[in-house]
């Protein structure tokens, strides 16, 4: 939550800062995707090239011999961005009487809802596109062995699992595990921002949105470098206009983006 006082001046720059700070707190599932910024072209669809994973291996080159030559084939997958947005209405009375704390709370809430929506859309793409061996069960408990078994499934597909996102129930289980390394025990720069620690070589992030459920421990392990793409045409932005009929200033918050899982085998669910 952004701290706001009545001395704050409400303007578009202030609104934008609130929006940016709220995104930092909430966005999590986007981290499983590589980001592509859409070129400035008059279309909402981009053909994204995807390699087929068939590159040959180098070999010994004899004297005066030709090098082994290979050219990997690529496929193209269409990604179409969608626009998401909302508005905050600020009455002239609110500004006239300098009720900036109440106004800023409205903006914060709308900004957080936008971030939650983006987070949910990214999660939905992940949840619908997981390794065929999902979920890997811990046999009644969310434990080190379950994480190792799930991680092995990704390694067998020649991917490099790096991140484990868990719900709060799984977080509690990990904190009690002797194999878990807390972030405070690891050196600066050794884990990704926001991680609470590491287990089995995986940076552990906690999702408290409820998207992973709240009744039992669950988590998803992934290789963000290979799993999929987030295509952004317009990052989260704001616009302002006057509504004379309502005697209010309107702040719009919007974005244009989409997500696409490319290699389902690069992400797997683990449960208790």
Protein backbone atom coordinates (compact mmCIF):
# COMPACT_ATOMS: atom_id res chain seq x y z
CA UNK A 1 0.00 0.00 0.00
CA UNK A 2 1.33 3.43 -0.96
CA UNK A 3 1.49 5.85 1.97
CA UNK A 4 -0.44 9.04 1.19
CA UNK A 5 -0.84 12.23 3.20
CA UNK A 6 -3.10 15.22 2.73
CA UNK A 7 -0.07 17.26 1.64
CA UNK A 8 0.27 15.20 -1.54
CA UNK A 9 -0.58 17.02 -4.75
CA UNK A 10 -2.89 14.98 -6.94
CA UNK A 11 -1.74 15.11 -10.54
CA UNK A 12 -1.06 12.70 -13.38
CA UNK A 13 2.53 12.19 -12.31
CA UNK A 14 1.35 11.25 -8.81
CA UNK A 15 -1.26 8.88 -10.26
CA UNK A 16 1.36 7.22 -12.46
CA UNK A 17 3.68 6.70 -9.50
CA UNK A 18 0.86 5.08 -7.53
CA UNK A 19 0.10 2.80 -10.47
CA UNK A 20 3.74 1.75 -10.86
CA UNK A 21 4.20 1.03 -7.16
CA UNK A 22 1.06 -1.09 -7.01
CA UNK A 23 2.28 -3.17 -9.97
CA UNK A 24 5.50 -3.92 -8.11
CA UNK A 25 3.59 -5.34 -5.13
CA UNK A 26 1.18 -7.61 -6.99
CA UNK A 27 2.61 -8.88 -10.28
CA UNK A 28 4.07 -12.36 -9.84
CA UNK A 29 2.97 -14.84 -12.48
CA UNK A 30 4.28 -12.56 -15.23
CA UNK A 31 7.74 -13.59 -14.05
CA UNK A 32 7.26 -17.00 -15.67
CA UNK A 33 7.12 -15.36 -19.12
CA UNK A 34 9.73 -13.66 -21.26
CA UNK A 35 8.52 -10.18 -22.23
CA UNK A 36 8.21 -9.04 -25.83
CA UNK A 37 7.45 -5.40 -26.56
CA UNK A 38 5.23 -5.22 -29.63
CA UNK A 39 6.62 -3.07 -32.46
CA UNK A 40 4.80 0.13 -33.37
CA UNK A 41 2.74 -1.41 -36.15
CA UNK A 42 -1.01 -0.97 -36.89
CA UNK A 43 -2.14 -4.42 -35.76
CA UNK A 44 -3.12 -6.20 -32.57
CA UNK A 45 -1.51 -9.51 -33.62
CA UNK A 46 2.15 -10.47 -33.81
CA UNK A 47 3.56 -13.63 -35.35
CA UNK A 48 6.09 -14.81 -32.78
CA UNK A 49 8.83 -17.15 -34.10
CA UNK A 50 9.35 -20.28 -32.04
CA UNK A 51 12.28 -22.63 -32.59
CA UNK A 52 11.56 -26.32 -33.06
CA UNK A 53 14.42 -27.48 -30.80
CA UNK A 54 16.10 -29.48 -33.57
CA UNK A 55 19.54 -27.82 -33.73
CA UNK A 56 22.28 -30.34 -34.48
CA UNK A 57 25.40 -30.85 -32.35
CA UNK A 58 28.83 -29.53 -33.35
CA UNK A 59 31.35 -32.19 -34.40
CA UNK A 60 35.05 -32.63 -35.00
CA UNK A 61 36.24 -30.86 -38.14
CA UNK A 62 38.96 -32.58 -40.08
CA UNK A 63 41.80 -30.78 -41.83
CA UNK A 64 40.59 -28.92 -44.93
CA UNK A 65 37.11 -30.28 -44.28
CA UNK A 66 33.80 -28.45 -44.30
CA UNK A 67 32.11 -27.57 -41.02
CA UNK A 68 28.93 -29.49 -40.23
CA UNK A 69 26.10 -27.16 -41.17
CA UNK A 70 22.68 -26.97 -39.60
CA UNK A 71 19.79 -24.55 -39.70
CA UNK A 72 17.08 -24.84 -37.12
CA UNK A 73 13.53 -24.67 -38.35
CA UNK A 74 11.15 -22.23 -36.72
CA UNK A 75 7.40 -22.04 -36.44
CA UNK A 76 5.30 -18.91 -35.98
CA UNK A 77 2.61 -18.58 -33.34
CA UNK A 78 0.10 -15.69 -33.50
CA UNK A 79 -0.35 -13.65 -30.31
CA UNK A 80 -3.19 -11.13 -30.14
CA UNK A 81 -3.16 -8.47 -27.44
CA UNK A 82 -6.30 -7.43 -25.56
CA UNK A 83 -7.04 -4.13 -23.87
CA UNK A 84 -7.86 -4.03 -20.14
CA UNK A 85 -8.74 -0.89 -18.25
CA UNK A 86 -10.74 0.98 -15.65
CA UNK A 87 -11.51 4.52 -14.51
CA UNK A 88 -11.29 6.49 -11.30
CA UNK A 89 -13.75 9.38 -10.98
CA UNK A 90 -12.66 12.28 -8.76
CA UNK A 91 -15.32 14.86 -8.02
CA UNK A 92 -14.57 18.57 -8.02
CA UNK A 93 -15.74 18.66 -4.40
CA UNK A 94 -13.04 16.19 -3.40
CA UNK A 95 -10.38 18.40 -4.93
CA UNK A 96 -11.99 21.62 -3.71
CA UNK A 97 -11.89 20.46 -0.09
CA UNK A 98 -8.39 18.92 -0.49
CA UNK A 99 -9.42 15.40 0.43
CA UNK A 100 -6.33 13.99 -1.23
CA UNK A 101 -6.00 10.98 1.05
CA UNK A 102 -9.46 9.66 0.08
CA UNK A 103 -8.84 10.35 -3.61
CA UNK A 104 -5.47 8.62 -3.55
CA UNK A 105 -7.03 5.60 -1.83
CA UNK A 106 -9.44 5.31 -4.75
CA UNK A 107 -6.56 5.45 -7.21
CA UNK A 108 -4.57 2.91 -5.20
CA UNK A 109 -7.48 0.49 -5.15
CA UNK A 110 -8.06 0.79 -8.89
CA UNK A 111 -4.34 0.39 -9.57
CA UNK A 112 -4.19 -2.68 -7.38
CA UNK A 113 -7.24 -4.16 -9.12
CA UNK A 114 -5.48 -3.65 -12.46
CA UNK A 115 -2.37 -5.39 -11.15
CA UNK A 116 -4.49 -8.23 -9.75
CA UNK A 117 -6.21 -8.63 -13.11
CA UNK A 118 -2.89 -8.83 -14.96
CA UNK A 119 -1.60 -11.32 -12.40
CA UNK A 120 -4.72 -13.47 -12.78
CA UNK A 121 -4.58 -13.47 -16.59
CA UNK A 122 -0.95 -14.61 -16.50
CA UNK A 123 -1.77 -17.30 -13.94
CA UNK A 124 -4.69 -18.62 -16.01
CA UNK A 125 -2.37 -19.16 -18.97
CA UNK A 126 0.04 -21.06 -16.72
CA UNK A 127 -2.66 -23.17 -15.02
CA UNK A 128 -4.04 -24.27 -18.39
CA UNK A 129 -0.65 -25.21 -19.84
CA UNK A 130 1.44 -27.41 -17.55
CA UNK A 131 3.65 -30.47 -17.90
CA UNK A 132 1.53 -33.59 -18.64
CA UNK A 133 2.79 -35.19 -15.41
CA UNK A 134 1.20 -32.43 -13.32
CA UNK A 135 0.54 -32.51 -10.45
CA UNK A 136 3.41 -34.23 -8.69
CA UNK A 137 2.20 -35.28 -5.24
CA UNK A 138 4.19 -35.33 -2.02
CA UNK A 139 2.16 -38.24 -0.69
CA UNK A 140 0.30 -36.20 1.90
CA UNK A 141 2.80 -33.42 2.61
CA UNK A 142 4.46 -30.62 0.65
CA UNK A 143 8.09 -31.62 1.09
CA UNK A 144 11.59 -31.59 -0.33
CA UNK A 145 11.17 -34.95 -2.08
CA UNK A 146 8.04 -33.72 -3.92
CA UNK A 147 9.91 -30.62 -5.11
CA UNK A 148 12.84 -32.77 -6.28
CA UNK A 149 10.54 -35.18 -8.15
CA UNK A 150 8.68 -32.33 -9.87
CA UNK A 151 11.93 -30.56 -10.75
CA UNK A 152 13.27 -33.78 -12.29
CA UNK A 153 10.37 -33.87 -14.74
CA UNK A 154 11.41 -30.49 -16.13
CA UNK A 155 15.11 -31.44 -16.22
CA UNK A 156 14.23 -34.56 -18.21
CA UNK A 157 12.79 -32.26 -20.90
CA UNK A 158 16.17 -30.45 -21.15
CA UNK A 159 14.87 -27.30 -19.43
CA UNK A 160 16.41 -25.50 -16.46
CA UNK A 161 13.88 -24.95 -13.63
CA UNK A 162 14.66 -21.76 -11.73
CA UNK A 163 11.56 -20.62 -9.84
CA UNK A 164 9.01 -22.16 -7.49
CA UNK A 165 5.86 -20.12 -6.82
CA UNK A 166 3.87 -21.37 -3.83
CA UNK A 167 0.70 -20.47 -1.97
CA UNK A 168 0.80 -19.52 1.71
CA UNK A 169 0.05 -23.09 2.85
CA UNK A 170 3.08 -24.40 0.95
CA UNK A 171 5.16 -21.51 2.29
CA UNK A 172 4.41 -22.63 5.84
CA UNK A 173 5.47 -26.18 4.97
CA UNK A 174 8.73 -25.04 3.39
CA UNK A 175 9.67 -22.79 6.31
CA UNK A 176 9.61 -25.89 8.52
CA UNK A 177 11.84 -27.87 6.15
CA UNK A 178 15.51 -28.30 7.02
CA UNK A 179 16.36 -28.22 3.29
CA UNK A 180 14.92 -24.72 2.86
CA UNK A 181 17.40 -21.82 2.78
CA UNK A 182 15.93 -18.54 3.99
CA UNK A 183 16.65 -15.39 1.99
CA UNK A 184 18.29 -13.85 5.06
CA UNK A 185 20.87 -16.64 5.02
CA UNK A 186 21.77 -16.12 1.36
CA UNK A 187 24.03 -13.40 0.01
CA UNK A 188 22.71 -10.33 -1.82
CA UNK A 189 22.09 -10.90 -5.49
CA UNK A 190 21.89 -14.68 -5.20
CA UNK A 191 18.11 -14.88 -5.51
CA UNK A 192 15.46 -13.02 -7.51
CA UNK A 193 13.74 -9.97 -6.02
CA UNK A 194 10.88 -10.89 -3.72
CA UNK A 195 12.01 -14.47 -3.09
CA UNK A 196 11.73 -15.72 0.50
CA UNK A 197 14.53 -18.23 0.00
CA UNK A 198 15.62 -21.26 -1.98
CA UNK A 199 15.05 -24.99 -2.06
CA UNK A 200 16.58 -27.56 -4.42
CA UNK A 201 18.22 -24.70 -6.32
CA UNK A 202 14.88 -22.96 -6.92
CA UNK A 203 14.09 -19.40 -5.88
CA UNK A 204 10.85 -19.50 -3.88
CA UNK A 205 8.20 -16.80 -4.35
CA UNK A 206 4.91 -16.63 -2.46
CA UNK A 207 1.55 -15.91 -4.12
CA UNK A 208 -1.04 -14.81 -1.55
CA UNK A 209 -3.73 -14.00 -4.12
CA UNK A 210 -5.58 -17.26 -3.63
CA UNK A 211 -5.12 -18.25 -7.28
CA UNK A 212 -3.28 -21.41 -6.23
CA UNK A 213 -6.02 -22.25 -3.75
CA UNK A 214 -6.13 -21.89 0.01
CA UNK A 215 -7.15 -25.33 1.25
CA UNK A 216 -3.88 -27.23 0.65
CA UNK A 217 -0.19 -26.59 -0.17
CA UNK A 218 0.47 -26.09 -3.88
CA UNK A 219 3.23 -24.69 -6.03
CA UNK A 220 4.43 -24.42 -9.61
CA UNK A 221 8.03 -24.91 -10.73
CA UNK A 222 9.09 -23.34 -14.02
CA UNK A 223 11.89 -22.37 -16.36
CA UNK A 224 10.97 -18.74 -17.19
CA UNK A 225 13.53 -18.59 -20.01
CA UNK A 226 11.74 -21.27 -22.00
CA UNK A 227 8.13 -21.46 -20.79
CA UNK A 228 6.39 -18.73 -22.79
CA UNK A 229 5.96 -15.08 -23.74
CA UNK A 230 4.16 -12.01 -22.48
CA UNK A 231 3.44 -9.68 -25.40
CA UNK A 232 2.94 -6.01 -24.47
CA UNK A 233 1.56 -3.46 -26.89
CA UNK A 234 0.92 -0.81 -24.21
CA UNK A 235 2.25 -1.16 -20.68
CA UNK A 236 0.08 0.04 -17.79
CA UNK A 237 -0.60 3.72 -18.50
CA UNK A 238 -2.92 6.52 -17.39
CA UNK A 239 -4.91 9.23 -19.15
CA UNK A 240 -6.91 12.11 -17.68
CA UNK A 241 -9.97 13.97 -18.95
CA UNK A 242 -12.72 16.23 -17.61
CA UNK A 243 -16.34 15.10 -17.36
CA UNK A 244 -18.25 18.36 -17.24
CA UNK A 245 -21.65 16.68 -16.87
CA UNK A 246 -20.51 14.97 -13.67
CA UNK A 247 -18.19 17.77 -12.57
CA UNK A 248 -15.36 15.35 -12.13
CA UNK A 249 -11.89 14.51 -13.31
CA UNK A 250 -11.55 11.00 -14.73
CA UNK A 251 -8.32 9.03 -14.57
CA UNK A 252 -8.19 6.04 -16.91
CA UNK A 253 -5.86 3.12 -16.21
CA UNK A 254 -5.27 0.70 -19.07
CA UNK A 255 -2.93 -1.77 -20.71
CA UNK A 256 -2.77 -3.92 -23.87
CA UNK A 257 -1.09 -7.32 -23.56
CA UNK A 258 -1.44 -11.08 -23.75
CA UNK A 259 0.33 -14.26 -22.65
CA UNK A 260 1.20 -17.48 -24.45
CA UNK A 261 2.70 -20.69 -23.09
CA UNK A 262 5.07 -22.14 -25.68
CA UNK A 263 6.68 -25.10 -23.91
CA UNK A 264 4.21 -26.65 -21.46
CA UNK A 265 6.85 -29.12 -20.30
CA UNK A 266 8.83 -26.21 -18.78
CA UNK A 267 6.33 -25.77 -15.91
CA UNK A 268 4.88 -28.31 -13.48
CA UNK A 269 2.59 -28.27 -10.45
CA UNK A 270 3.60 -29.84 -7.14
CA UNK A 271 1.12 -30.60 -4.33
CA UNK A 272 1.03 -32.29 -0.93
